[in-house]
Amino acid sequence: MNSIGSECNDLKKEYDSCFNVWYSESFLKGDYKSDPCSELLKNYRTCVLVSRLVGYFFLFKRDPLKALHKILILIHRKEMR
């Protein structure tokens, strides 16, 4: 499955690969504490966030209130994590 932002596909594939190895070789064997993929996930999530913000910037030119609303929702979701 591709990323929501096409420019993030390589980062997503790299994270997915790491996660699948960790899940099968560590998690399923009881090692719940290791987190070897956290940096990859952070990089991927940052890429997606930037990709979405760039999309909202172009929407802002057409419909500023709608774009601002979408950005505020995105920020709120990020703060809730």
PDB file of N, CA and C in Angstrom:
ATOM      1  N   MET A   1       0.842  -1.171   0.000  1.00  0.00           N
ATOM      2  CA  MET A   1       0.000   0.000   0.000  1.00  0.00           C
ATOM      3  C   MET A   1       0.892   1.240   0.000  1.00  0.00           C
ATOM      4  N   ASN A   2       0.549   2.211  -0.806  1.00  0.00           N
ATOM      5  CA  ASN A   2       1.323   3.439  -0.895  1.00  0.00           C
ATOM      6  C   ASN A   2       0.957   4.400   0.223  1.00  0.00           C
ATOM      7  N   SER A   3       1.800   5.400   0.382  1.00  0.00           N
ATOM      8  CA  SER A   3       1.591   6.429   1.389  1.00  0.00           C
ATOM      9  C   SER A   3       0.513   7.406   0.944  1.00  0.00           C
ATOM     10  N   ILE A   4      -0.027   8.129   1.907  1.00  0.00           N
ATOM     11  CA  ILE A   4      -1.006   9.170   1.591  1.00  0.00           C
ATOM     12  C   ILE A   4      -0.356  10.290   0.774  1.00  0.00           C
ATOM     13  N   GLY A   5       0.942  10.499   0.979  1.00  0.00           N
ATOM     14  CA  GLY A   5       1.708  11.460   0.188  1.00  0.00           C
ATOM     15  C   GLY A   5       2.691  10.691  -0.674  1.00  0.00           C
ATOM     16  N   SER A   6       2.547  10.771  -1.978  1.00  0.00           N
ATOM     17  CA  SER A   6       3.366   9.932  -2.871  1.00  0.00           C
ATOM     18  C   SER A   6       4.865  10.161  -2.681  1.00  0.00           C
ATOM     19  N   GLU A   7       5.253  11.371  -2.276  1.00  0.00           N
ATOM     20  CA  GLU A   7       6.677  11.638  -2.053  1.00  0.00           C
ATOM     21  C   GLU A   7       7.204  10.932  -0.807  1.00  0.00           C
ATOM     22  N   CYS A   8       6.316  10.330  -0.027  1.00  0.00           N
ATOM     23  CA  CYS A   8       6.706   9.626   1.205  1.00  0.00           C
ATOM     24  C   CYS A   8       6.717   8.107   1.031  1.00  0.00           C
ATOM     25  N   ASN A   9       6.487   7.624  -0.177  1.00  0.00           N
ATOM     26  CA  ASN A   9       6.394   6.178  -0.406  1.00  0.00           C
ATOM     27  C   ASN A   9       7.640   5.416   0.038  1.00  0.00           C
ATOM     28  N   ASP A  10       8.816   5.938  -0.278  1.00  0.00           N
ATOM     29  CA  ASP A  10      10.051   5.237   0.095  1.00  0.00           C
ATOM     30  C   ASP A  10      10.201   5.145   1.617  1.00  0.00           C
ATOM     31  N   LEU A  11       9.881   6.232   2.321  1.00  0.00           N
ATOM     32  CA  LEU A  11       9.956   6.216   3.783  1.00  0.00           C
ATOM     33  C   LEU A  11       8.962   5.224   4.376  1.00  0.00           C
ATOM     34  N   LYS A  12       7.769   5.159   3.772  1.00  0.00           N
ATOM     35  CA  LYS A  12       6.755   4.224   4.261  1.00  0.00           C
ATOM     36  C   LYS A  12       7.208   2.784   4.059  1.00  0.00           C
ATOM     37  N   LYS A  13       7.752   2.491   2.894  1.00  0.00           N
ATOM     38  CA  LYS A  13       8.222   1.132   2.620  1.00  0.00           C
ATOM     39  C   LYS A  13       9.343   0.736   3.574  1.00  0.00           C
ATOM     40  N   GLU A  14      10.245   1.675   3.852  1.00  0.00           N
ATOM     41  CA  GLU A  14      11.342   1.408   4.771  1.00  0.00           C
ATOM     42  C   GLU A  14      10.811   1.126   6.182  1.00  0.00           C
ATOM     43  N   TYR A  15       9.849   1.948   6.626  1.00  0.00           N
ATOM     44  CA  TYR A  15       9.255   1.729   7.945  1.00  0.00           C
ATOM     45  C   TYR A  15       8.486   0.405   7.984  1.00  0.00           C
ATOM     46  N   ASP A  16       7.672   0.145   6.979  1.00  0.00           N
ATOM     47  CA  ASP A  16       6.889  -1.095   6.935  1.00  0.00           C
ATOM     48  C   ASP A  16       7.789  -2.317   7.005  1.00  0.00           C
ATOM     49  N   SER A  17       8.898  -2.271   6.278  1.00  0.00           N
ATOM     50  CA  SER A  17       9.841  -3.388   6.283  1.00  0.00           C
ATOM     51  C   SER A  17      10.419  -3.593   7.679  1.00  0.00           C
ATOM     52  N   CYS A  18      10.844  -2.522   8.314  1.00  0.00           N
ATOM     53  CA  CYS A  18      11.394  -2.595   9.665  1.00  0.00           C
ATOM     54  C   CYS A  18      10.340  -3.131  10.632  1.00  0.00           C
ATOM     55  N   PHE A  19       9.131  -2.606  10.534  1.00  0.00           N
ATOM     56  CA  PHE A  19       8.059  -3.028  11.434  1.00  0.00           C
ATOM     57  C   PHE A  19       7.765  -4.516  11.274  1.00  0.00           C
ATOM     58  N   ASN A  20       7.681  -4.987  10.039  1.00  0.00           N
ATOM     59  CA  ASN A  20       7.363  -6.399   9.807  1.00  0.00           C
ATOM     60  C   ASN A  20       8.428  -7.319  10.398  1.00  0.00           C
ATOM     61  N   VAL A  21       9.691  -6.935  10.273  1.00  0.00           N
ATOM     62  CA  VAL A  21      10.777  -7.728  10.862  1.00  0.00           C
ATOM     63  C   VAL A  21      10.665  -7.692  12.381  1.00  0.00           C
ATOM     64  N   TRP A  22      10.483  -6.502  12.957  1.00  0.00           N
ATOM     65  CA  TRP A  22      10.367  -6.372  14.410  1.00  0.00           C
ATOM     66  C   TRP A  22       9.176  -7.180  14.933  1.00  0.00           C
ATOM     67  N   TYR A  23       8.054  -7.077  14.246  1.00  0.00           N
ATOM     68  CA  TYR A  23       6.840  -7.763  14.692  1.00  0.00           C
ATOM     69  C   TYR A  23       7.045  -9.279  14.723  1.00  0.00           C
ATOM     70  N   SER A  24       7.606  -9.819  13.660  1.00  0.00           N
ATOM     71  CA  SER A  24       7.751 -11.275  13.581  1.00  0.00           C
ATOM     72  C   SER A  24       8.921 -11.805  14.410  1.00  0.00           C
ATOM     73  N   GLU A  25       9.995 -11.035  14.506  1.00  0.00           N
ATOM     74  CA  GLU A  25      11.193 -11.538  15.184  1.00  0.00           C
ATOM     75  C   GLU A  25      11.313 -11.100  16.644  1.00  0.00           C
ATOM     76  N   SER A  26      10.568 -10.101  17.051  1.00  0.00           N
ATOM     77  CA  SER A  26      10.668  -9.623  18.443  1.00  0.00           C
ATOM     78  C   SER A  26       9.318  -9.666  19.151  1.00  0.00           C
ATOM     79  N   PHE A  27       8.361  -8.926  18.634  1.00  0.00           N
ATOM     80  CA  PHE A  27       7.077  -8.787  19.312  1.00  0.00           C
ATOM     81  C   PHE A  27       6.388 -10.126  19.549  1.00  0.00           C
ATOM     82  N   LEU A  28       6.316 -10.939  18.510  1.00  0.00           N
ATOM     83  CA  LEU A  28       5.646 -12.236  18.651  1.00  0.00           C
ATOM     84  C   LEU A  28       6.402 -13.193  19.559  1.00  0.00           C
ATOM     85  N   LYS A  29       7.650 -12.872  19.849  1.00  0.00           N
ATOM     86  CA  LYS A  29       8.453 -13.710  20.749  1.00  0.00           C
ATOM     87  C   LYS A  29       8.523 -13.112  22.157  1.00  0.00           C
ATOM     88  N   GLY A  30       7.702 -12.091  22.412  1.00  0.00           N
ATOM     89  CA  GLY A  30       7.596 -11.534  23.753  1.00  0.00           C
ATOM     90  C   GLY A  30       8.436 -10.304  24.035  1.00  0.00           C
ATOM     91  N   ASP A  31       9.186  -9.820  23.070  1.00  0.00           N
ATOM     92  CA  ASP A  31       9.992  -8.618  23.275  1.00  0.00           C
ATOM     93  C   ASP A  31       9.156  -7.399  22.895  1.00  0.00           C
ATOM     94  N   TYR A  32       8.456  -6.853  23.880  1.00  0.00           N
ATOM     95  CA  TYR A  32       7.560  -5.719  23.629  1.00  0.00           C
ATOM     96  C   TYR A  32       8.248  -4.381  23.835  1.00  0.00           C
ATOM     97  N   LYS A  33       9.419  -4.381  24.440  1.00  0.00           N
ATOM     98  CA  LYS A  33      10.056  -3.126  24.830  1.00  0.00           C
ATOM     99  C   LYS A  33      10.967  -2.536  23.762  1.00  0.00           C
ATOM    100  N   SER A  34      11.520  -3.358  22.899  1.00  0.00           N
ATOM    101  CA  SER A  34      12.404  -2.805  21.868  1.00  0.00           C
ATOM    102  C   SER A  34      11.585  -1.997  20.865  1.00  0.00           C
ATOM    103  N   ASP A  35      12.203  -0.981  20.329  1.00  0.00           N
ATOM    104  CA  ASP A  35      11.515  -0.109  19.379  1.00  0.00           C
ATOM    105  C   ASP A  35      12.498   0.344  18.299  1.00  0.00           C
ATOM    106  N   PRO A  36      12.981  -0.583  17.471  1.00  0.00           N
ATOM    107  CA  PRO A  36      14.017  -0.238  16.495  1.00  0.00           C
ATOM    108  C   PRO A  36      13.525   0.629  15.330  1.00  0.00           C
ATOM    109  N   CYS A  37      12.234   0.758  15.186  1.00  0.00           N
ATOM    110  CA  CYS A  37      11.692   1.465  14.022  1.00  0.00           C
ATOM    111  C   CYS A  37      11.174   2.860  14.353  1.00  0.00           C
ATOM    112  N   SER A  38      11.346   3.309  15.587  1.00  0.00           N
ATOM    113  CA  SER A  38      10.739   4.581  16.012  1.00  0.00           C
ATOM    114  C   SER A  38      11.258   5.772  15.205  1.00  0.00           C
ATOM    115  N   GLU A  39      12.526   5.792  14.892  1.00  0.00           N
ATOM    116  CA  GLU A  39      13.081   6.914  14.121  1.00  0.00           C
ATOM    117  C   GLU A  39      12.544   6.905  12.686  1.00  0.00           C
ATOM    118  N   LEU A  40      12.408   5.717  12.114  1.00  0.00           N
ATOM    119  CA  LEU A  40      11.835   5.605  10.765  1.00  0.00           C
ATOM    120  C   LEU A  40      10.391   6.086  10.755  1.00  0.00           C
ATOM    121  N   LEU A  41       9.636   5.723  11.796  1.00  0.00           N
ATOM    122  CA  LEU A  41       8.243   6.153  11.887  1.00  0.00           C
ATOM    123  C   LEU A  41       8.170   7.672  12.028  1.00  0.00           C
ATOM    124  N   LYS A  42       9.037   8.247  12.835  1.00  0.00           N
ATOM    125  CA  LYS A  42       9.038   9.698  13.012  1.00  0.00           C
ATOM    126  C   LYS A  42       9.328  10.400  11.686  1.00  0.00           C
ATOM    127  N   ASN A  43      10.299   9.898  10.940  1.00  0.00           N
ATOM    128  CA  ASN A  43      10.629  10.491   9.635  1.00  0.00           C
ATOM    129  C   ASN A  43       9.465  10.371   8.658  1.00  0.00           C
ATOM    130  N   TYR A  44       8.823   9.222   8.648  1.00  0.00           N
ATOM    131  CA  TYR A  44       7.680   9.017   7.747  1.00  0.00           C
ATOM    132  C   TYR A  44       6.521   9.943   8.122  1.00  0.00           C
ATOM    133  N   ARG A  45       6.202  10.015   9.411  1.00  0.00           N
ATOM    134  CA  ARG A  45       5.098  10.870   9.860  1.00  0.00           C
ATOM    135  C   ARG A  45       5.377  12.334   9.545  1.00  0.00           C
ATOM    136  N   THR A  46       6.628  12.770   9.687  1.00  0.00           N
ATOM    137  CA  THR A  46       6.989  14.147   9.359  1.00  0.00           C
ATOM    138  C   THR A  46       6.783  14.406   7.873  1.00  0.00           C
ATOM    139  N   CYS A  47       7.190  13.464   7.057  1.00  0.00           N
ATOM    140  CA  CYS A  47       7.003  13.599   5.607  1.00  0.00           C
ATOM    141  C   CYS A  47       5.524  13.745   5.262  1.00  0.00           C
ATOM    142  N   VAL A  48       4.690  12.913   5.853  1.00  0.00           N
ATOM    143  CA  VAL A  48       3.247  12.969   5.585  1.00  0.00           C
ATOM    144  C   VAL A  48       2.676  14.307   6.055  1.00  0.00           C
ATOM    145  N   LEU A  49       3.082  14.752   7.225  1.00  0.00           N
ATOM    146  CA  LEU A  49       2.596  16.032   7.743  1.00  0.00           C
ATOM    147  C   LEU A  49       2.966  17.177   6.806  1.00  0.00           C
ATOM    148  N   VAL A  50       4.209  17.217   6.369  1.00  0.00           N
ATOM    149  CA  VAL A  50       4.651  18.275   5.454  1.00  0.00           C
ATOM    150  C   VAL A  50       3.885  18.178   4.134  1.00  0.00           C
ATOM    151  N   SER A  51       3.712  16.977   3.644  1.00  0.00           N
ATOM    152  CA  SER A  51       2.978  16.772   2.395  1.00  0.00           C
ATOM    153  C   SER A  51       1.548  17.315   2.509  1.00  0.00           C
ATOM    154  N   ARG A  52       0.906  17.026   3.617  1.00  0.00           N
ATOM    155  CA  ARG A  52      -0.466  17.505   3.818  1.00  0.00           C
ATOM    156  C   ARG A  52      -0.502  19.018   3.967  1.00  0.00           C
ATOM    157  N   LEU A  53       0.464  19.579   4.682  1.00  0.00           N
ATOM    158  CA  LEU A  53       0.491  21.037   4.843  1.00  0.00           C
ATOM    159  C   LEU A  53       0.716  21.741   3.515  1.00  0.00           C
ATOM    160  N   VAL A  54       1.563  21.175   2.667  1.00  0.00           N
ATOM    161  CA  VAL A  54       1.772  21.759   1.335  1.00  0.00           C
ATOM    162  C   VAL A  54       0.462  21.716   0.545  1.00  0.00           C
ATOM    163  N   GLY A  55      -0.255  20.598   0.652  1.00  0.00           N
ATOM    164  CA  GLY A  55      -1.555  20.503  -0.019  1.00  0.00           C
ATOM    165  C   GLY A  55      -2.532  21.554   0.491  1.00  0.00           C
ATOM    166  N   TYR A  56      -2.517  21.787   1.808  1.00  0.00           N
ATOM    167  CA  TYR A  56      -3.410  22.796   2.387  1.00  0.00           C
ATOM    168  C   TYR A  56      -3.009  24.201   1.953  1.00  0.00           C
ATOM    169  N   PHE A  57      -1.724  24.416   1.738  1.00  0.00           N
ATOM    170  CA  PHE A  57      -1.273  25.720   1.263  1.00  0.00           C
ATOM    171  C   PHE A  57      -1.907  26.037  -0.089  1.00  0.00           C
ATOM    172  N   PHE A  58      -1.931  25.047  -0.985  1.00  0.00           N
ATOM    173  CA  PHE A  58      -2.539  25.278  -2.299  1.00  0.00           C
ATOM    174  C   PHE A  58      -4.052  25.436  -2.184  1.00  0.00           C
ATOM    175  N   LEU A  59      -4.665  24.711  -1.256  1.00  0.00           N
ATOM    176  CA  LEU A  59      -6.091  24.881  -1.007  1.00  0.00           C
ATOM    177  C   LEU A  59      -6.360  26.276  -0.458  1.00  0.00           C
ATOM    178  N   PHE A  60      -5.438  26.788   0.365  1.00  0.00           N
ATOM    179  CA  PHE A  60      -5.588  28.108   0.974  1.00  0.00           C
ATOM    180  C   PHE A  60      -5.759  29.191  -0.079  1.00  0.00           C
ATOM    181  N   LYS A  61      -5.068  29.040  -1.195  1.00  0.00           N
ATOM    182  CA  LYS A  61      -5.182  30.027  -2.269  1.00  0.00           C
ATOM    183  C   LYS A  61      -6.612  30.078  -2.815  1.00  0.00           C
ATOM    184  N   ARG A  62      -7.279  28.918  -2.837  1.00  0.00           N
ATOM    185  CA  ARG A  62      -8.640  28.851  -3.377  1.00  0.00           C
ATOM    186  C   ARG A  62      -9.695  29.125  -2.315  1.00  0.00           C
ATOM    187  N   ASP A  63      -9.511  28.570  -1.117  1.00  0.00           N
ATOM    188  CA  ASP A  63     -10.523  28.660  -0.068  1.00  0.00           C
ATOM    189  C   ASP A  63      -9.833  28.756   1.299  1.00  0.00           C
ATOM    190  N   PRO A  64      -9.433  29.970   1.701  1.00  0.00           N
ATOM    191  CA  PRO A  64      -8.639  30.143   2.924  1.00  0.00           C
ATOM    192  C   PRO A  64      -9.300  29.586   4.182  1.00  0.00           C
ATOM    193  N   LEU A  65     -10.596  29.763   4.359  1.00  0.00           N
ATOM    194  CA  LEU A  65     -11.258  29.281   5.575  1.00  0.00           C
ATOM    195  C   LEU A  65     -11.273  27.764   5.655  1.00  0.00           C
ATOM    196  N   LYS A  66     -11.512  27.110   4.540  1.00  0.00           N
ATOM    197  CA  LYS A  66     -11.509  25.646   4.518  1.00  0.00           C
ATOM    198  C   LYS A  66     -10.109  25.117   4.823  1.00  0.00           C
ATOM    199  N   ALA A  67      -9.099  25.730   4.250  1.00  0.00           N
ATOM    200  CA  ALA A  67      -7.721  25.296   4.492  1.00  0.00           C
ATOM    201  C   ALA A  67      -7.338  25.496   5.954  1.00  0.00           C
ATOM    202  N   LEU A  68      -7.677  26.633   6.518  1.00  0.00           N
ATOM    203  CA  LEU A  68      -7.371  26.901   7.920  1.00  0.00           C
ATOM    204  C   LEU A  68      -8.063  25.882   8.825  1.00  0.00           C
ATOM    205  N   HIS A  69      -9.293  25.571   8.532  1.00  0.00           N
ATOM    206  CA  HIS A  69     -10.036  24.569   9.309  1.00  0.00           C
ATOM    207  C   HIS A  69      -9.332  23.218   9.256  1.00  0.00           C
ATOM    208  N   LYS A  70      -8.894  22.783   8.082  1.00  0.00           N
ATOM    209  CA  LYS A  70      -8.210  21.502   7.947  1.00  0.00           C
ATOM    210  C   LYS A  70      -6.881  21.493   8.702  1.00  0.00           C
ATOM    211  N   ILE A  71      -6.164  22.603   8.660  1.00  0.00           N
ATOM    212  CA  ILE A  71      -4.886  22.694   9.369  1.00  0.00           C
ATOM    213  C   ILE A  71      -5.118  22.614  10.875  1.00  0.00           C
ATOM    214  N   LEU A  72      -6.126  23.297  11.371  1.00  0.00           N
ATOM    215  CA  LEU A  72      -6.421  23.260  12.807  1.00  0.00           C
ATOM    216  C   LEU A  72      -6.809  21.852  13.261  1.00  0.00           C
ATOM    217  N   ILE A  73      -7.558  21.145  12.457  1.00  0.00           N
ATOM    218  CA  ILE A  73      -7.913  19.754  12.778  1.00  0.00           C
ATOM    219  C   ILE A  73      -6.652  18.900  12.829  1.00  0.00           C
ATOM    220  N   LEU A  74      -5.770  19.076  11.862  1.00  0.00           N
ATOM    221  CA  LEU A  74      -4.517  18.318  11.816  1.00  0.00           C
ATOM    222  C   LEU A  74      -3.663  18.599  13.053  1.00  0.00           C
ATOM    223  N   ILE A  75      -3.549  19.847  13.447  1.00  0.00           N
ATOM    224  CA  ILE A  75      -2.776  20.206  14.635  1.00  0.00           C
ATOM    225  C   ILE A  75      -3.412  19.601  15.881  1.00  0.00           C
ATOM    226  N   HIS A  76      -4.715  19.682  15.973  1.00  0.00           N
ATOM    227  CA  HIS A  76      -5.414  19.123  17.137  1.00  0.00           C
ATOM    228  C   HIS A  76      -5.183  17.629  17.249  1.00  0.00           C
ATOM    229  N   ARG A  77      -5.248  16.913  16.157  1.00  0.00           N
ATOM    230  CA  ARG A  77      -5.016  15.458  16.175  1.00  0.00           C
ATOM    231  C   ARG A  77      -3.596  15.153  16.611  1.00  0.00           C
ATOM    232  N   LYS A  78      -2.631  15.944  16.152  1.00  0.00           N
ATOM    233  CA  LYS A  78      -1.229  15.726  16.523  1.00  0.00           C
ATOM    234  C   LYS A  78      -1.039  15.942  18.024  1.00  0.00           C
ATOM    235  N   GLU A  79      -1.699  16.954  18.586  1.00  0.00           N
ATOM    236  CA  GLU A  79      -1.580  17.234  20.018  1.00  0.00           C
ATOM    237  C   GLU A  79      -2.235  16.159  20.862  1.00  0.00           C
ATOM    238  N   MET A  80      -3.227  15.471  20.313  1.00  0.00           N
ATOM    239  CA  MET A  80      -3.947  14.447  21.065  1.00  0.00           C
ATOM    240  C   MET A  80      -3.136  13.165  21.203  1.00  0.00           C
ATOM    241  N   ARG A  81      -2.060  13.017  20.434  1.00  0.00           N
ATOM    242  CA  ARG A  81      -1.251  11.792  20.483  1.00  0.00           C
ATOM    243  C   ARG A  81      -0.274  11.820  21.603  1.00  0.00           C
TER     244      ARG A  81
END
